[in-house]
Amino acid sequence: MRYFIVFSYNGAPFHGSQTQPNGNTVQAEMEAAFATILRQPVPLTFAGRTDAGVHAEKMIAHFDIDQLPITNHQLQNRLNGLLPDSIAIIDIYRVTDDAHARFDATARTYYYRITTRKDPFIYINHTRVAKGLDFEAMNEAASLLLGKKDFASFCRTHTDVKTTICDVREARWIQESETEAYFVITADRFLRNMVRAVVGTLFEVGKHKMTTAQFGDIIASLNRCQAGHSAPAEGLSLVEIIYPKNIYL
């Protein structure tokens, strides 16, 4: 039987979401907890990967098991009791046996949060920036991201992806107050480091160091070296993943 597990995590203590040999990861912590509770290995397949320091308010993974010896709710509670405070299990539920956490996702949404005020309690998931960003200019440039196109200019180099084409359905800055704002971007898929590279380049537009036309030229260039520096990790959070309704039981 296949299950989806919905969870959130603060990415600051981890070297990314998915297992790697040289650092602690969210997947390693979760699989260790599963093995302790269920007394068997339970490999997890994540909906996607996040880099070191990046957060997820809603991540989904799937796992297979012949029969859970406890209820979904009991498993959720025991996992939460065993996992560090930086990881929280939100829900566990059955899906069709061919449902895939990564390949069946139809859309993903990220927020990149920024603040202009000094506040030690907000830096967990916000990046502090200087005042004076031109949000109107950044939104004009962000509108050029919309649609299905090649985003090689915002993809980490030397990755093994087969295509750098993504369908971006939403990309805009929203000002919540005089000191806080966030960038929301939704697409069918994202490339490694894509959102942070986009945000870092939009910062250049917001500082009037780059025009909207130049931002468009960067997209068309398909050259990562033409884009700006990647924005810091701490402001980025995965907030939503959408699946077709027919996978749910």
Protein backbone atom coordinates (compact mmCIF):
# COMPACT_ATOMS: atom_id res chain seq x y z
CA MET A 1 0.00 0.00 0.00
CA ARG A 2 1.20 3.49 -0.76
CA TYR A 3 0.91 6.46 1.58
CA PHE A 4 1.54 10.18 1.28
CA ILE A 5 3.12 11.87 4.27
CA VAL A 6 2.72 15.65 4.59
CA PHE A 7 5.30 17.46 6.70
CA SER A 8 7.06 20.77 7.29
CA TYR A 9 10.58 21.63 8.32
CA ASN A 10 12.92 24.43 9.21
CA GLY A 11 15.80 23.90 6.80
CA ALA A 12 18.44 25.81 8.80
CA PRO A 13 19.92 22.76 10.61
CA PHE A 14 20.06 20.57 7.51
CA HIS A 15 22.31 20.12 4.48
CA GLY A 16 19.20 19.98 2.28
CA SER A 17 16.12 17.80 2.20
CA GLN A 18 17.29 14.62 0.49
CA THR A 19 19.86 12.11 1.71
CA GLN A 20 23.51 12.79 0.92
CA PRO A 21 26.72 11.27 2.26
CA ASN A 22 28.31 14.36 3.80
CA GLY A 23 25.68 15.95 6.05
CA ASN A 24 22.47 15.53 7.99
CA THR A 25 19.28 15.86 5.96
CA VAL A 26 15.52 15.89 6.49
CA GLN A 27 15.13 12.57 4.68
CA ALA A 28 17.80 10.87 6.81
CA GLU A 29 16.12 12.02 10.03
CA MET A 30 12.69 10.88 8.87
CA GLU A 31 13.79 7.49 7.56
CA ALA A 32 15.64 6.82 10.82
CA ALA A 33 12.48 7.64 12.78
CA PHE A 34 10.37 5.37 10.56
CA ALA A 35 12.83 2.49 11.01
CA THR A 36 12.78 2.90 14.79
CA ILE A 37 8.98 2.93 15.03
CA LEU A 38 8.11 0.32 12.39
CA ARG A 39 11.25 -1.84 12.86
CA GLN A 40 11.93 -1.99 9.14
CA PRO A 41 13.48 0.29 6.49
CA VAL A 42 10.92 2.64 4.94
CA PRO A 43 12.43 4.57 1.98
CA LEU A 44 10.80 7.94 1.31
CA THR A 45 10.38 9.53 -2.12
CA PHE A 46 10.15 13.31 -1.80
CA ALA A 47 8.10 15.56 -4.09
CA GLY A 48 11.28 17.51 -4.73
CA ARG A 49 14.50 18.63 -3.14
CA THR A 50 15.36 21.79 -1.25
CA ASP A 51 18.87 23.10 -0.76
CA ALA A 52 20.67 23.62 2.53
CA GLY A 53 18.88 26.20 4.67
CA VAL A 54 15.68 26.26 2.58
CA HIS A 55 12.41 25.60 4.42
CA ALA A 56 9.19 23.77 3.59
CA GLU A 57 5.84 24.68 5.08
CA LYS A 58 4.37 21.81 3.11
CA MET A 59 6.46 19.00 1.67
CA ILE A 60 5.07 15.64 0.58
CA ALA A 61 6.74 12.26 0.24
CA HIS A 62 5.39 8.79 -0.48
CA PHE A 63 6.27 5.45 1.05
CA ASP A 64 5.16 1.83 0.57
CA ILE A 65 4.37 -0.71 3.25
CA ASP A 66 2.39 -3.96 3.19
CA GLN A 67 0.44 -3.12 6.33
CA LEU A 68 0.82 -0.42 8.96
CA PRO A 69 0.87 -2.06 12.41
CA ILE A 70 -0.60 1.12 13.93
CA THR A 71 -3.09 3.73 12.73
CA ASN A 72 -2.05 6.67 10.58
CA HIS A 73 -2.72 9.02 13.49
CA GLN A 74 -0.63 6.93 15.89
CA LEU A 75 2.24 6.86 13.40
CA GLN A 76 2.01 10.62 13.00
CA ASN A 77 2.15 11.15 16.77
CA ARG A 78 5.06 8.74 17.28
CA LEU A 79 7.05 10.29 14.46
CA ASN A 80 6.49 13.77 15.91
CA GLY A 81 7.63 12.50 19.30
CA LEU A 82 10.85 11.10 17.87
CA LEU A 83 11.79 13.71 15.26
CA PRO A 84 13.64 16.93 16.16
CA ASP A 85 11.65 20.13 16.65
CA SER A 86 12.77 21.28 13.20
CA ILE A 87 10.53 18.65 11.49
CA ALA A 88 6.76 18.32 12.00
CA ILE A 89 4.48 15.64 10.52
CA ILE A 90 1.16 17.17 9.44
CA ASP A 91 -0.76 14.21 7.98
CA ILE A 92 -0.46 10.65 6.63
CA TYR A 93 -3.02 9.15 4.24
CA ARG A 94 -3.51 6.43 1.66
CA VAL A 95 -3.22 7.11 -2.05
CA THR A 96 -3.48 4.91 -5.11
CA ASP A 97 -0.63 2.42 -5.45
CA ASP A 98 0.76 4.18 -8.53
CA ALA A 99 0.60 7.72 -7.09
CA HIS A 100 4.02 9.38 -7.13
CA ALA A 101 4.92 12.27 -4.85
CA ARG A 102 7.30 13.79 -7.38
CA PHE A 103 6.01 12.93 -10.83
CA ASP A 104 2.28 13.36 -10.16
CA ALA A 105 2.61 16.88 -8.77
CA THR A 106 0.97 19.35 -11.16
CA ALA A 107 2.10 22.56 -9.47
CA ARG A 108 4.42 23.78 -6.73
CA THR A 109 4.47 27.16 -5.01
CA TYR A 110 7.36 28.87 -3.26
CA TYR A 111 7.46 32.05 -1.18
CA TYR A 112 10.56 34.16 -0.77
CA ARG A 113 10.12 36.42 2.25
CA ILE A 114 12.06 39.61 2.91
CA THR A 115 12.16 42.21 5.68
CA THR A 116 13.77 45.61 5.97
CA ARG A 117 13.69 45.78 9.77
CA LYS A 118 16.18 44.40 12.22
CA ASP A 119 14.40 41.70 14.20
CA PRO A 120 16.19 38.61 15.54
CA PHE A 121 12.91 36.66 15.66
CA ILE A 122 12.01 37.08 12.00
CA TYR A 123 15.30 35.96 10.44
CA ILE A 124 14.33 32.29 10.69
CA ASN A 125 12.38 32.50 7.43
CA HIS A 126 13.01 36.03 6.13
CA THR A 127 16.00 37.59 4.43
CA ARG A 128 16.89 41.09 5.56
CA VAL A 129 17.31 43.54 2.69
CA ALA A 130 17.97 47.26 2.41
CA LYS A 131 15.08 49.67 2.13
CA GLY A 132 14.10 51.21 -1.18
CA LEU A 133 13.42 48.24 -3.45
CA ASP A 134 11.17 49.22 -6.36
CA PHE A 135 8.42 46.59 -6.21
CA GLU A 136 6.62 47.99 -9.24
CA ALA A 137 9.75 47.52 -11.35
CA MET A 138 10.33 44.04 -9.91
CA ASN A 139 6.76 43.00 -10.72
CA GLU A 140 7.08 44.33 -14.25
CA ALA A 141 10.19 42.18 -14.70
CA ALA A 142 8.61 39.19 -12.93
CA SER A 143 5.75 39.21 -15.45
CA LEU A 144 8.30 38.14 -18.09
CA LEU A 145 8.71 34.84 -16.24
CA LEU A 146 5.12 33.78 -16.95
CA GLY A 147 4.47 30.99 -19.40
CA LYS A 148 6.24 27.91 -20.64
CA LYS A 149 9.83 28.70 -21.50
CA ASP A 150 13.45 27.72 -21.01
CA PHE A 151 14.84 28.84 -17.64
CA ALA A 152 18.44 27.71 -18.11
CA SER A 153 19.54 31.21 -17.07
CA PHE A 154 18.30 30.50 -13.55
CA CYS A 155 19.44 26.88 -13.23
CA ARG A 156 22.48 25.71 -11.32
CA THR A 157 25.16 24.67 -13.79
CA HIS A 158 26.39 21.09 -14.24
CA THR A 159 23.12 19.47 -13.13
CA ASP A 160 21.75 16.29 -14.67
CA VAL A 161 18.29 17.61 -15.64
CA LYS A 162 17.02 16.51 -19.05
CA THR A 163 15.19 19.78 -19.72
CA THR A 164 15.25 23.30 -18.33
CA ILE A 165 11.76 24.16 -19.58
CA CYS A 166 9.20 25.09 -16.91
CA ASP A 167 5.66 26.45 -17.03
CA VAL A 168 5.46 29.41 -14.63
CA ARG A 169 1.86 30.28 -13.74
CA GLU A 170 2.34 32.99 -11.14
CA ALA A 171 5.26 35.28 -10.30
CA ARG A 172 4.77 38.48 -8.31
CA TRP A 173 5.83 40.44 -5.28
CA ILE A 174 3.28 41.11 -2.55
CA GLN A 175 3.89 43.82 0.06
CA GLU A 176 2.45 42.85 3.43
CA SER A 177 3.55 45.98 5.29
CA GLU A 178 6.06 48.79 5.14
CA THR A 179 8.79 46.38 6.24
CA GLU A 180 7.71 42.91 5.00
CA ALA A 181 7.09 41.51 1.52
CA TYR A 182 7.26 38.19 -0.26
CA PHE A 183 7.69 36.86 -3.77
CA VAL A 184 5.26 34.11 -4.77
CA ILE A 185 6.05 31.84 -7.72
CA THR A 186 4.07 28.84 -8.94
CA ALA A 187 5.15 26.46 -11.69
CA ASP A 188 4.72 22.87 -12.81
CA ARG A 189 8.35 22.22 -11.85
CA PHE A 190 11.44 24.06 -10.66
CA LEU A 191 15.11 23.73 -11.47
CA ARG A 192 17.93 23.49 -8.93
CA ASN A 193 18.46 26.93 -7.35
CA MET A 194 15.91 28.48 -9.75
CA VAL A 195 13.84 30.54 -7.31
CA ARG A 196 16.84 31.96 -5.46
CA ALA A 197 18.49 32.88 -8.77
CA VAL A 198 15.29 34.58 -9.97
CA VAL A 199 14.90 36.52 -6.72
CA GLY A 200 18.55 37.55 -6.66
CA THR A 201 18.22 38.89 -10.21
CA LEU A 202 14.95 40.68 -9.41
CA PHE A 203 16.76 42.41 -6.54
CA GLU A 204 18.99 43.98 -9.18
CA VAL A 205 15.89 45.31 -10.94
CA GLY A 206 14.50 46.57 -7.64
CA LYS A 207 17.73 48.48 -6.97
CA HIS A 208 17.58 50.00 -10.49
CA LYS A 209 20.83 48.29 -11.43
CA MET A 210 19.00 46.38 -14.18
CA THR A 211 16.07 47.24 -16.42
CA THR A 212 13.07 45.08 -17.24
CA ALA A 213 14.39 44.74 -20.79
CA GLN A 214 17.73 43.52 -19.50
CA PHE A 215 15.94 41.01 -17.27
CA GLY A 216 14.16 39.73 -20.39
CA ASP A 217 17.50 39.49 -22.19
CA ILE A 218 18.84 37.34 -19.35
CA ILE A 219 15.94 34.91 -19.71
CA ALA A 220 16.55 34.69 -23.45
CA SER A 221 20.31 34.22 -23.05
CA LEU A 222 19.93 30.76 -21.40
CA ASN A 223 23.17 31.59 -19.61
CA ARG A 224 23.38 31.37 -15.80
CA CYS A 225 26.40 33.66 -15.81
CA GLN A 226 24.21 36.51 -17.09
CA ALA A 227 21.80 36.37 -14.14
CA GLY A 228 22.34 37.82 -10.67
CA HIS A 229 23.64 36.12 -7.55
CA SER A 230 21.35 33.65 -5.80
CA ALA A 231 19.38 35.16 -2.93
CA PRO A 232 20.18 33.73 0.54
CA ALA A 233 18.51 30.45 1.47
CA GLU A 234 16.75 31.48 4.67
CA GLY A 235 14.01 33.50 2.92
CA LEU A 236 12.83 30.64 0.73
CA SER A 237 10.00 28.25 1.65
CA LEU A 238 8.07 25.62 -0.29
CA VAL A 239 4.44 26.31 0.67
CA GLU A 240 2.19 24.20 -1.56
CA ILE A 241 2.15 21.15 -3.83
CA ILE A 242 -0.89 20.28 -5.94
CA TYR A 243 -1.90 16.80 -7.17
CA PRO A 244 -4.77 15.48 -9.30
CA LYS A 245 -7.76 14.47 -7.19
CA ASN A 246 -7.94 10.93 -8.58
CA ILE A 247 -4.85 9.79 -6.63
CA TYR A 248 -6.56 10.18 -3.27
CA LEU A 249 -8.43 7.35 -1.55
